[in-house]
N, C-alpha and C. Protein backbone atom coordinates (compact mmCIF):
# COMPACT_ATOMS: atom_id res chain seq x y z
N TRP A 1 -43.08 -6.43 12.18
CA TRP A 1 -43.53 -5.15 11.68
C TRP A 1 -45.04 -5.12 11.70
N THR A 2 -45.70 -4.01 11.94
CA THR A 2 -47.09 -3.81 11.87
C THR A 2 -47.46 -2.65 11.00
N SER A 3 -48.43 -2.78 10.05
CA SER A 3 -48.79 -1.58 9.19
C SER A 3 -49.35 -0.59 10.01
N SER A 4 -49.12 0.68 9.57
CA SER A 4 -49.58 1.88 10.33
C SER A 4 -50.05 2.87 9.23
N GLY A 5 -50.36 4.12 9.73
CA GLY A 5 -50.89 5.10 8.80
C GLY A 5 -50.02 5.42 7.69
N ALA A 6 -50.53 5.59 6.51
CA ALA A 6 -49.93 5.83 5.31
C ALA A 6 -49.45 7.38 5.35
N MET A 7 -48.25 7.72 4.72
CA MET A 7 -47.87 9.05 4.55
C MET A 7 -48.79 9.82 3.61
N GLY A 8 -48.79 11.15 3.72
CA GLY A 8 -49.76 11.94 2.83
C GLY A 8 -49.18 11.98 1.49
N THR A 9 -47.89 12.01 1.32
CA THR A 9 -47.14 12.12 0.08
C THR A 9 -46.16 11.04 -0.16
N GLY A 10 -46.36 10.16 -1.12
CA GLY A 10 -45.42 9.12 -1.43
C GLY A 10 -44.15 9.76 -2.12
N ARG A 11 -42.95 9.31 -1.69
CA ARG A 11 -41.69 9.86 -2.20
C ARG A 11 -40.58 9.01 -1.67
N TYR A 12 -39.35 9.25 -2.22
CA TYR A 12 -38.12 8.62 -1.80
C TYR A 12 -37.09 9.65 -1.62
N GLY A 13 -36.00 9.23 -0.96
CA GLY A 13 -34.87 10.12 -0.67
C GLY A 13 -35.19 11.18 0.38
N LEU A 14 -36.08 10.81 1.38
CA LEU A 14 -36.46 11.77 2.44
C LEU A 14 -35.35 11.91 3.50
N GLY A 15 -35.47 12.98 4.15
CA GLY A 15 -34.67 13.23 5.39
C GLY A 15 -35.57 12.72 6.52
N SER A 16 -34.97 12.56 7.71
CA SER A 16 -35.77 12.06 8.79
C SER A 16 -35.25 12.45 10.24
N GLY A 17 -36.00 12.20 11.18
CA GLY A 17 -35.61 12.45 12.52
C GLY A 17 -36.57 12.05 13.49
N GLY A 18 -36.38 12.09 14.74
CA GLY A 18 -37.34 11.76 15.80
C GLY A 18 -37.43 10.31 16.25
N THR A 19 -38.55 9.93 16.82
CA THR A 19 -38.81 8.61 17.35
C THR A 19 -39.95 7.94 16.73
N GLN A 20 -40.30 6.77 17.15
CA GLN A 20 -41.46 5.98 16.62
C GLN A 20 -42.78 6.70 16.95
N THR A 21 -42.90 7.35 18.02
CA THR A 21 -44.16 8.10 18.33
C THR A 21 -44.08 9.62 18.11
N ALA A 22 -42.95 10.07 17.63
CA ALA A 22 -42.86 11.62 17.28
C ALA A 22 -41.82 11.66 16.14
N GLY A 23 -42.21 11.15 15.05
CA GLY A 23 -41.25 11.17 13.90
C GLY A 23 -41.38 12.34 12.92
N LEU A 24 -40.42 12.56 12.10
CA LEU A 24 -40.39 13.65 11.21
C LEU A 24 -39.64 13.18 9.91
N VAL A 25 -40.34 13.49 8.77
CA VAL A 25 -39.76 13.26 7.47
C VAL A 25 -39.91 14.53 6.68
N TYR A 26 -39.00 14.77 5.72
CA TYR A 26 -39.02 16.00 4.88
C TYR A 26 -38.32 15.82 3.53
N GLY A 27 -38.76 16.68 2.57
CA GLY A 27 -38.18 16.61 1.32
C GLY A 27 -38.39 15.31 0.59
N GLY A 28 -37.43 14.92 -0.35
CA GLY A 28 -37.65 13.71 -1.14
C GLY A 28 -37.91 14.01 -2.57
N TYR A 29 -38.26 13.02 -3.25
CA TYR A 29 -38.55 13.06 -4.72
C TYR A 29 -39.80 12.35 -5.03
N THR A 30 -40.69 13.01 -5.92
CA THR A 30 -42.05 12.48 -6.04
C THR A 30 -42.59 12.02 -7.46
N PRO A 31 -42.10 12.41 -8.60
CA PRO A 31 -40.84 12.61 -9.18
C PRO A 31 -40.46 14.12 -9.37
N ASN A 32 -40.76 14.93 -8.50
CA ASN A 32 -40.28 16.30 -8.52
C ASN A 32 -39.57 16.49 -7.16
N PHE A 33 -38.63 17.49 -7.04
CA PHE A 33 -37.99 17.74 -5.81
C PHE A 33 -39.03 18.27 -4.83
N SER A 34 -39.17 17.65 -3.63
CA SER A 34 -40.25 18.06 -2.72
C SER A 34 -39.71 18.90 -1.57
N ASN A 35 -40.61 19.79 -1.06
CA ASN A 35 -40.28 20.52 0.18
C ASN A 35 -41.27 20.22 1.35
N VAL A 36 -42.04 19.11 1.07
CA VAL A 36 -43.10 18.67 1.97
C VAL A 36 -42.46 18.08 3.31
N THR A 37 -43.13 18.44 4.43
CA THR A 37 -42.64 17.91 5.77
C THR A 37 -43.93 17.17 6.37
N GLU A 38 -43.72 16.02 6.91
CA GLU A 38 -44.87 15.38 7.63
C GLU A 38 -44.33 14.89 8.99
N GLU A 39 -45.24 14.88 9.96
CA GLU A 39 -44.91 14.56 11.38
C GLU A 39 -45.75 13.23 11.63
N TYR A 40 -45.17 12.32 12.44
CA TYR A 40 -45.85 11.09 12.78
C TYR A 40 -46.07 11.11 14.29
N ASP A 41 -47.29 10.66 14.79
CA ASP A 41 -47.58 10.66 16.15
C ASP A 41 -47.64 9.20 16.76
N GLY A 42 -47.24 8.12 15.98
CA GLY A 42 -47.27 6.87 16.44
C GLY A 42 -48.36 6.05 15.66
N SER A 43 -49.21 6.78 15.02
CA SER A 43 -50.39 6.11 14.26
C SER A 43 -50.72 6.83 12.86
N SER A 44 -50.51 8.03 12.85
CA SER A 44 -50.84 8.78 11.70
C SER A 44 -49.89 9.91 11.40
N TRP A 45 -49.90 10.41 10.09
CA TRP A 45 -49.06 11.46 9.59
C TRP A 45 -49.86 12.69 9.44
N THR A 46 -49.32 13.90 9.90
CA THR A 46 -49.92 15.24 9.52
C THR A 46 -48.94 16.16 8.93
N SER A 47 -49.40 17.03 8.26
CA SER A 47 -48.52 18.00 7.48
C SER A 47 -47.79 18.92 8.54
N GLY A 48 -46.52 19.16 8.23
CA GLY A 48 -45.65 20.20 9.03
C GLY A 48 -45.34 21.34 8.12
N GLY A 49 -44.50 22.19 8.50
CA GLY A 49 -44.06 23.30 7.69
C GLY A 49 -43.15 22.84 6.56
N ASN A 50 -43.32 23.45 5.45
CA ASN A 50 -42.45 23.09 4.30
C ASN A 50 -41.07 23.55 4.38
N LEU A 51 -40.10 22.75 3.86
CA LEU A 51 -38.67 23.13 3.76
C LEU A 51 -38.66 24.47 2.99
N VAL A 52 -37.59 25.27 3.27
CA VAL A 52 -37.34 26.46 2.58
C VAL A 52 -36.83 26.01 1.16
N GLN A 53 -35.97 25.05 1.04
CA GLN A 53 -35.53 24.69 -0.26
C GLN A 53 -35.86 23.19 -0.57
N ALA A 54 -36.64 22.99 -1.58
CA ALA A 54 -37.00 21.65 -1.98
C ALA A 54 -35.79 20.85 -2.37
N ARG A 55 -35.73 19.58 -1.92
CA ARG A 55 -34.59 18.73 -2.28
C ARG A 55 -34.83 17.20 -1.84
N ASN A 56 -34.03 16.34 -2.37
CA ASN A 56 -33.94 14.99 -1.88
C ASN A 56 -32.63 14.62 -1.39
N GLY A 57 -32.46 13.60 -0.52
CA GLY A 57 -31.20 13.17 -0.01
C GLY A 57 -30.62 14.12 1.05
N ALA A 58 -31.52 14.89 1.62
CA ALA A 58 -31.17 15.89 2.62
C ALA A 58 -31.05 15.19 4.07
N GLY A 59 -29.96 15.49 4.75
CA GLY A 59 -29.78 14.87 6.02
C GLY A 59 -28.95 13.57 5.94
N ALA A 60 -29.73 12.58 5.68
CA ALA A 60 -29.04 11.22 5.80
C ALA A 60 -29.72 10.20 4.95
N ALA A 61 -28.92 9.28 4.43
CA ALA A 61 -29.39 8.15 3.75
C ALA A 61 -30.12 7.14 4.76
N GLY A 62 -29.53 6.96 5.87
CA GLY A 62 -30.09 6.17 6.86
C GLY A 62 -29.65 6.64 8.31
N GLY A 63 -30.50 7.21 8.96
CA GLY A 63 -30.21 7.84 10.31
C GLY A 63 -30.57 9.29 10.29
N GLY A 64 -31.47 9.64 11.17
CA GLY A 64 -31.94 11.00 11.14
C GLY A 64 -31.15 11.87 12.10
N ILE A 65 -31.26 13.20 11.89
CA ILE A 65 -30.60 14.09 12.80
C ILE A 65 -31.73 14.91 13.47
N GLY A 66 -31.74 14.87 14.84
CA GLY A 66 -32.70 15.67 15.50
C GLY A 66 -34.02 15.04 15.81
N THR A 67 -34.94 15.80 16.34
CA THR A 67 -36.29 15.36 16.76
C THR A 67 -37.40 15.97 16.01
N GLN A 68 -38.67 15.73 16.32
CA GLN A 68 -39.75 16.33 15.66
C GLN A 68 -39.90 17.70 15.89
N THR A 69 -39.35 18.23 17.08
CA THR A 69 -39.47 19.61 17.44
C THR A 69 -38.13 20.34 17.27
N ALA A 70 -37.07 19.64 16.87
CA ALA A 70 -35.68 20.24 16.73
C ALA A 70 -34.98 19.40 15.65
N GLY A 71 -35.36 19.50 14.43
CA GLY A 71 -34.74 18.68 13.36
C GLY A 71 -33.70 19.46 12.60
N LEU A 72 -32.89 18.70 11.79
CA LEU A 72 -31.91 19.31 11.05
C LEU A 72 -31.84 18.65 9.64
N ALA A 73 -32.04 19.44 8.61
CA ALA A 73 -31.89 19.01 7.27
C ALA A 73 -30.62 19.47 6.60
N VAL A 74 -29.74 18.50 6.24
CA VAL A 74 -28.39 18.88 5.78
C VAL A 74 -28.20 18.48 4.34
N GLY A 75 -27.72 19.38 3.53
CA GLY A 75 -27.39 19.14 2.11
C GLY A 75 -28.55 18.61 1.23
N GLY A 76 -28.24 17.81 0.26
CA GLY A 76 -29.20 17.13 -0.48
C GLY A 76 -29.04 17.52 -1.99
N TYR A 77 -29.87 16.95 -2.84
CA TYR A 77 -29.96 17.28 -4.23
C TYR A 77 -30.95 18.39 -4.42
N ASN A 78 -30.67 19.37 -5.23
CA ASN A 78 -31.59 20.51 -5.59
C ASN A 78 -31.38 20.89 -7.02
N PRO A 79 -32.41 21.05 -7.80
CA PRO A 79 -32.15 21.40 -9.17
C PRO A 79 -31.61 22.74 -9.45
N SER A 80 -31.57 23.64 -8.55
CA SER A 80 -30.91 25.01 -8.74
C SER A 80 -29.38 24.94 -8.72
N HIS A 81 -28.80 23.74 -8.33
CA HIS A 81 -27.40 23.57 -8.10
C HIS A 81 -26.78 22.79 -9.30
N PRO A 82 -25.77 23.22 -9.90
CA PRO A 82 -25.16 22.50 -11.05
C PRO A 82 -24.33 21.29 -10.52
N SER A 83 -23.79 20.57 -11.44
CA SER A 83 -22.96 19.40 -11.16
C SER A 83 -23.44 18.47 -10.18
N GLY A 84 -24.52 17.70 -10.57
CA GLY A 84 -25.15 16.75 -9.72
C GLY A 84 -26.10 17.26 -8.67
N TYR A 85 -26.39 18.57 -8.83
CA TYR A 85 -27.39 19.16 -7.92
C TYR A 85 -26.99 19.15 -6.50
N GLN A 86 -25.72 18.94 -6.06
CA GLN A 86 -25.31 18.81 -4.72
C GLN A 86 -25.44 20.24 -4.08
N THR A 87 -25.88 20.25 -2.81
CA THR A 87 -25.97 21.56 -2.09
C THR A 87 -25.34 21.53 -0.67
N ASP A 88 -25.02 22.62 -0.22
CA ASP A 88 -24.46 22.77 1.16
C ASP A 88 -25.47 23.41 2.10
N TYR A 89 -26.70 23.42 1.70
CA TYR A 89 -27.83 24.20 2.34
C TYR A 89 -28.29 23.39 3.58
N VAL A 90 -28.45 24.12 4.68
CA VAL A 90 -28.83 23.54 5.91
C VAL A 90 -29.99 24.27 6.62
N GLU A 91 -31.08 23.50 7.06
CA GLU A 91 -32.19 24.16 7.73
C GLU A 91 -32.46 23.48 9.03
N GLU A 92 -32.96 24.31 10.02
CA GLU A 92 -33.37 23.71 11.29
C GLU A 92 -34.87 23.78 11.49
N TYR A 93 -35.47 22.82 12.10
CA TYR A 93 -37.01 22.77 12.21
C TYR A 93 -37.30 22.84 13.71
N ASP A 94 -38.32 23.72 14.04
CA ASP A 94 -38.71 23.89 15.37
C ASP A 94 -39.99 23.31 15.77
N GLY A 95 -40.56 22.41 14.92
CA GLY A 95 -41.84 21.72 15.28
C GLY A 95 -42.92 22.36 14.39
N SER A 96 -42.64 23.51 13.77
CA SER A 96 -43.69 24.05 12.85
C SER A 96 -43.13 24.70 11.59
N SER A 97 -41.91 25.18 11.68
CA SER A 97 -41.35 25.78 10.51
C SER A 97 -39.82 25.62 10.37
N TRP A 98 -39.32 25.72 9.14
CA TRP A 98 -37.92 25.54 8.88
C TRP A 98 -37.22 26.89 8.64
N THR A 99 -35.99 27.02 9.13
CA THR A 99 -35.20 28.23 9.02
C THR A 99 -33.81 27.90 8.45
N ALA A 100 -33.26 28.62 7.52
CA ALA A 100 -31.98 28.39 7.00
C ALA A 100 -30.94 28.83 7.98
N VAL A 101 -29.90 28.06 8.17
CA VAL A 101 -28.83 28.26 9.15
C VAL A 101 -27.51 28.12 8.34
N THR A 102 -26.39 28.11 9.11
CA THR A 102 -25.04 28.01 8.56
C THR A 102 -24.90 26.83 7.64
N ALA A 103 -24.45 27.11 6.39
CA ALA A 103 -24.24 26.05 5.43
C ALA A 103 -23.01 25.14 5.81
N THR A 104 -22.98 23.97 5.24
CA THR A 104 -21.89 23.00 5.46
C THR A 104 -20.63 23.55 4.70
N PRO A 105 -19.43 23.23 5.04
CA PRO A 105 -18.22 23.63 4.23
C PRO A 105 -18.08 22.82 2.97
N ALA A 106 -18.87 21.66 2.89
CA ALA A 106 -18.79 20.91 1.58
C ALA A 106 -20.21 20.48 1.23
N THR A 107 -20.39 20.42 -0.13
CA THR A 107 -21.73 20.06 -0.62
C THR A 107 -21.89 18.54 -0.53
N GLY A 108 -23.05 18.04 -0.49
CA GLY A 108 -23.31 16.58 -0.54
C GLY A 108 -24.77 16.21 -0.36
N SER A 109 -24.98 14.89 -0.51
CA SER A 109 -26.31 14.25 -0.33
C SER A 109 -26.15 12.86 0.02
N TYR A 110 -27.17 12.32 0.69
CA TYR A 110 -27.16 10.84 1.00
C TYR A 110 -26.00 10.53 1.86
N ARG A 111 -25.59 11.40 2.76
CA ARG A 111 -24.53 11.08 3.71
C ARG A 111 -25.23 10.45 4.96
N GLY A 112 -24.47 9.77 5.74
CA GLY A 112 -25.07 9.33 6.99
C GLY A 112 -25.16 10.48 7.99
N GLY A 113 -26.13 10.38 8.98
CA GLY A 113 -26.35 11.50 9.84
C GLY A 113 -26.72 10.84 11.24
N MET A 114 -26.38 11.59 12.29
CA MET A 114 -26.77 11.15 13.60
C MET A 114 -26.70 12.36 14.57
N GLY A 115 -27.19 12.09 15.83
CA GLY A 115 -27.23 13.14 16.82
C GLY A 115 -28.39 13.98 16.89
N ILE A 116 -28.31 15.16 17.47
CA ILE A 116 -29.45 16.13 17.70
C ILE A 116 -29.06 17.49 16.97
N GLN A 117 -30.04 18.37 17.09
CA GLN A 117 -29.86 19.69 16.37
C GLN A 117 -28.70 20.45 16.82
N THR A 118 -28.38 20.36 18.08
CA THR A 118 -27.28 21.13 18.69
C THR A 118 -25.95 20.33 18.84
N ALA A 119 -25.97 18.98 18.40
CA ALA A 119 -24.82 18.18 18.43
C ALA A 119 -24.91 17.15 17.32
N GLY A 120 -24.92 17.54 16.08
CA GLY A 120 -25.29 16.55 14.97
C GLY A 120 -23.95 16.31 14.25
N LEU A 121 -24.10 15.38 13.38
CA LEU A 121 -22.89 14.93 12.61
C LEU A 121 -23.42 14.30 11.25
N VAL A 122 -22.72 14.68 10.12
CA VAL A 122 -22.91 14.01 8.92
C VAL A 122 -21.54 13.39 8.48
N CYS A 123 -21.57 12.25 7.79
CA CYS A 123 -20.37 11.59 7.41
C CYS A 123 -20.59 10.80 6.17
N GLY A 124 -19.50 10.50 5.48
CA GLY A 124 -19.41 9.79 4.33
C GLY A 124 -18.96 10.64 3.11
N VAL A 125 -18.67 9.98 2.06
CA VAL A 125 -18.18 10.67 0.87
C VAL A 125 -19.27 11.54 0.33
N SER A 126 -18.85 12.84 0.03
CA SER A 126 -19.78 13.85 -0.65
C SER A 126 -19.60 13.62 -2.08
N ARG A 127 -20.50 12.87 -2.71
CA ARG A 127 -20.26 12.41 -4.02
C ARG A 127 -21.09 13.18 -5.12
N PRO A 128 -20.47 14.12 -5.77
CA PRO A 128 -21.20 14.69 -6.98
C PRO A 128 -21.26 13.64 -8.13
N SER A 129 -22.16 13.87 -9.05
CA SER A 129 -22.43 13.05 -10.20
C SER A 129 -21.23 13.24 -11.12
N PRO A 130 -20.66 12.06 -11.77
CA PRO A 130 -20.95 10.79 -11.59
C PRO A 130 -20.19 10.09 -10.42
N ALA A 131 -19.12 10.57 -9.98
CA ALA A 131 -18.30 10.09 -8.82
C ALA A 131 -17.36 11.05 -8.42
N GLY A 132 -16.65 10.81 -7.34
CA GLY A 132 -15.60 11.74 -6.83
C GLY A 132 -15.99 12.16 -5.47
N GLY A 133 -15.59 13.40 -5.08
CA GLY A 133 -15.95 14.09 -3.91
C GLY A 133 -14.94 13.92 -2.77
N THR A 134 -15.33 14.29 -1.53
CA THR A 134 -14.44 14.35 -0.48
C THR A 134 -14.49 13.04 0.31
N ALA A 135 -13.40 12.29 0.30
CA ALA A 135 -13.35 10.94 0.78
C ALA A 135 -13.42 10.94 2.35
N GLY A 136 -14.19 10.12 2.97
CA GLY A 136 -14.18 9.99 4.35
C GLY A 136 -14.62 11.16 5.17
N LEU A 137 -15.43 12.01 4.63
CA LEU A 137 -15.79 13.28 5.18
C LEU A 137 -16.61 13.05 6.52
N THR A 138 -16.29 13.77 7.55
CA THR A 138 -17.13 13.94 8.82
C THR A 138 -17.23 15.35 9.15
N LEU A 139 -18.44 15.87 9.33
CA LEU A 139 -18.74 17.23 9.77
C LEU A 139 -19.56 17.19 10.96
N GLU A 140 -19.12 18.04 11.96
CA GLU A 140 -19.84 18.09 13.20
C GLU A 140 -20.55 19.45 13.32
N TYR A 141 -21.78 19.53 13.90
CA TYR A 141 -22.53 20.71 14.06
C TYR A 141 -22.87 20.97 15.51
N ASP A 142 -22.63 22.18 16.04
CA ASP A 142 -22.86 22.52 17.41
C ASP A 142 -24.13 23.35 17.61
N GLY A 143 -24.94 23.44 16.64
CA GLY A 143 -26.06 24.35 16.68
C GLY A 143 -25.98 25.66 16.09
N SER A 144 -24.74 26.00 15.68
CA SER A 144 -24.48 27.22 15.00
C SER A 144 -23.41 27.14 13.90
N SER A 145 -22.45 26.27 14.07
CA SER A 145 -21.36 26.17 13.06
C SER A 145 -20.91 24.84 12.81
N TRP A 146 -20.19 24.61 11.78
CA TRP A 146 -19.73 23.26 11.30
C TRP A 146 -18.21 23.14 11.51
N THR A 147 -17.74 22.06 11.96
CA THR A 147 -16.21 21.85 12.05
C THR A 147 -15.95 20.39 11.43
N SER A 148 -14.79 20.20 10.98
CA SER A 148 -14.45 18.90 10.46
C SER A 148 -14.11 18.01 11.56
N GLY A 149 -14.59 16.70 11.47
CA GLY A 149 -14.22 15.63 12.39
C GLY A 149 -13.28 14.70 11.94
N GLY A 150 -13.15 13.58 12.53
CA GLY A 150 -12.19 12.47 12.07
C GLY A 150 -12.53 11.96 10.75
N THR A 151 -11.52 11.43 9.90
CA THR A 151 -11.80 10.89 8.64
C THR A 151 -12.24 9.43 8.72
N MET A 152 -13.24 9.16 8.01
CA MET A 152 -13.84 7.78 7.99
C MET A 152 -12.88 6.85 7.29
N PRO A 153 -12.76 5.52 7.73
CA PRO A 153 -11.96 4.62 7.11
C PRO A 153 -12.28 4.21 5.63
N ASP A 154 -13.59 4.37 5.31
CA ASP A 154 -14.04 4.06 4.05
C ASP A 154 -14.64 5.28 3.34
N ALA A 155 -14.36 5.53 2.11
CA ALA A 155 -14.93 6.63 1.40
C ALA A 155 -16.24 6.04 0.75
N LYS A 156 -17.32 6.13 1.52
CA LYS A 156 -18.56 5.46 1.01
C LYS A 156 -19.76 6.42 1.25
N ASN A 157 -20.76 6.20 0.44
CA ASN A 157 -22.02 6.96 0.39
C ASN A 157 -23.19 6.08 0.74
N ARG A 158 -24.31 6.75 1.06
CA ARG A 158 -25.58 6.01 1.37
C ARG A 158 -25.33 5.05 2.56
N ILE A 159 -24.76 5.59 3.53
CA ILE A 159 -24.37 4.78 4.72
C ILE A 159 -25.58 4.72 5.77
N MET A 160 -25.84 3.66 6.43
CA MET A 160 -26.77 3.62 7.51
C MET A 160 -26.01 4.01 8.77
N THR A 161 -26.62 4.85 9.65
CA THR A 161 -26.01 5.31 10.82
C THR A 161 -26.92 5.37 12.05
N GLY A 162 -26.28 5.51 13.19
CA GLY A 162 -27.05 5.62 14.43
C GLY A 162 -26.22 6.19 15.49
N GLY A 163 -26.79 6.55 16.66
CA GLY A 163 -26.05 7.05 17.77
C GLY A 163 -26.02 8.55 17.85
N THR A 164 -24.93 8.99 18.49
CA THR A 164 -24.72 10.48 18.75
C THR A 164 -23.45 10.96 18.15
N GLN A 165 -23.20 12.24 18.33
CA GLN A 165 -21.95 12.86 17.86
C GLN A 165 -20.66 12.33 18.58
N THR A 166 -20.84 11.79 19.78
CA THR A 166 -19.62 11.23 20.40
C THR A 166 -19.64 9.71 20.65
N ALA A 167 -20.66 9.06 20.15
CA ALA A 167 -20.82 7.64 20.22
C ALA A 167 -21.65 7.04 19.05
N GLY A 168 -21.09 7.20 17.92
CA GLY A 168 -21.80 6.91 16.60
C GLY A 168 -21.37 5.54 16.00
N ILE A 169 -22.29 5.07 15.07
CA ILE A 169 -22.01 3.89 14.28
C ILE A 169 -22.34 4.15 12.95
N ALA A 170 -21.53 3.79 11.94
CA ALA A 170 -21.79 3.85 10.50
C ALA A 170 -21.58 2.51 9.89
N PHE A 171 -22.52 1.94 9.03
CA PHE A 171 -22.30 0.65 8.42
C PHE A 171 -22.94 0.54 7.04
N GLY A 172 -22.40 -0.35 6.29
CA GLY A 172 -22.91 -0.56 4.91
C GLY A 172 -22.60 0.65 4.06
N GLY A 173 -23.26 0.77 2.98
CA GLY A 173 -23.08 1.88 2.05
C GLY A 173 -22.47 1.38 0.70
N VAL A 174 -22.05 2.33 -0.11
CA VAL A 174 -21.55 2.00 -1.40
C VAL A 174 -20.34 2.91 -1.74
N THR A 175 -19.31 2.33 -2.44
CA THR A 175 -18.22 3.17 -2.87
C THR A 175 -18.29 3.35 -4.36
N PRO A 176 -17.94 4.47 -4.95
CA PRO A 176 -17.99 4.60 -6.41
C PRO A 176 -17.25 3.58 -7.07
N PRO A 177 -17.72 3.07 -8.28
CA PRO A 177 -19.04 3.47 -8.82
C PRO A 177 -20.15 2.77 -8.18
N ASN A 178 -20.08 1.42 -7.90
CA ASN A 178 -21.27 0.75 -7.38
C ASN A 178 -20.77 -0.49 -6.56
N THR A 179 -19.81 -0.30 -5.70
CA THR A 179 -19.28 -1.39 -4.80
C THR A 179 -20.07 -1.40 -3.52
N LEU A 180 -20.82 -2.44 -3.22
CA LEU A 180 -21.57 -2.50 -1.96
C LEU A 180 -20.61 -2.83 -0.79
N LYS A 181 -20.76 -2.19 0.30
CA LYS A 181 -19.83 -2.36 1.54
C LYS A 181 -20.62 -2.98 2.62
N ASP A 182 -19.90 -3.84 3.41
CA ASP A 182 -20.33 -4.43 4.58
C ASP A 182 -19.68 -4.00 5.83
N THR A 183 -18.78 -3.00 5.66
CA THR A 183 -17.92 -2.57 6.76
C THR A 183 -18.72 -1.73 7.80
N THR A 184 -18.10 -1.76 9.04
CA THR A 184 -18.80 -0.99 10.15
C THR A 184 -17.63 -0.14 10.84
N ALA A 185 -18.02 1.12 11.16
CA ALA A 185 -17.13 1.93 11.87
C ALA A 185 -17.80 2.65 13.02
N LEU A 186 -17.06 2.88 14.17
CA LEU A 186 -17.52 3.49 15.36
C LEU A 186 -16.84 4.78 15.55
N TYR A 187 -17.51 5.84 15.96
CA TYR A 187 -17.07 7.24 16.18
C TYR A 187 -17.05 7.55 17.58
N ASP A 188 -15.96 8.15 18.16
CA ASP A 188 -15.95 8.46 19.53
C ASP A 188 -15.96 9.95 19.82
N GLY A 189 -16.24 10.69 18.77
CA GLY A 189 -16.25 12.11 18.94
C GLY A 189 -15.09 12.86 18.31
N SER A 190 -14.09 12.05 17.97
CA SER A 190 -12.85 12.54 17.37
C SER A 190 -12.27 11.74 16.22
N SER A 191 -12.47 10.39 16.38
CA SER A 191 -11.92 9.49 15.41
C SER A 191 -12.77 8.20 15.20
N TRP A 192 -12.65 7.62 14.01
CA TRP A 192 -13.37 6.42 13.57
C TRP A 192 -12.48 5.23 13.81
N THR A 193 -13.13 4.02 14.22
CA THR A 193 -12.41 2.83 14.30
C THR A 193 -13.22 1.74 13.59
N THR A 194 -12.58 1.02 12.73
CA THR A 194 -13.24 -0.08 12.02
C THR A 194 -13.56 -1.23 12.97
């Protein structure tokens, strides 16, 4: 690892997307819910357009959806939502501004995410506070609407993910209340395999 330019706003629980030379981060907690977006060019960060709805845990715990010019922020925690602040809110980024689009059929935050803006996926248990939610949830996005995908083998949250909507990987995470997981699952576009 090599040190690079510092972000303009320190925070945790950010959403992300892009590559090492064209990165995107958004939202998070500062200790207030943030709507700040920053773009990375491989050496420094600059301000982008603010999220419409401030939140943390939007998109994914580990694994971004989309690119710097076509990002996707999915769900998250927001103080205007009761019961753990879970939201179903979704926004698309065009490289300069965010626009609200079709909400997910289930609320959630800190789910795994992968793919691109027109072929994205979020997965993992949608866990309201203190515990519970939809076990093994997989939701696929085609750029305009959400559909249910195959059920994950583990009902876990805060998963690390990578890949695409038809060739994905999800590993690690936690199951309620605090059991750390070392399992890995692969997604082929319709089903998960341990």
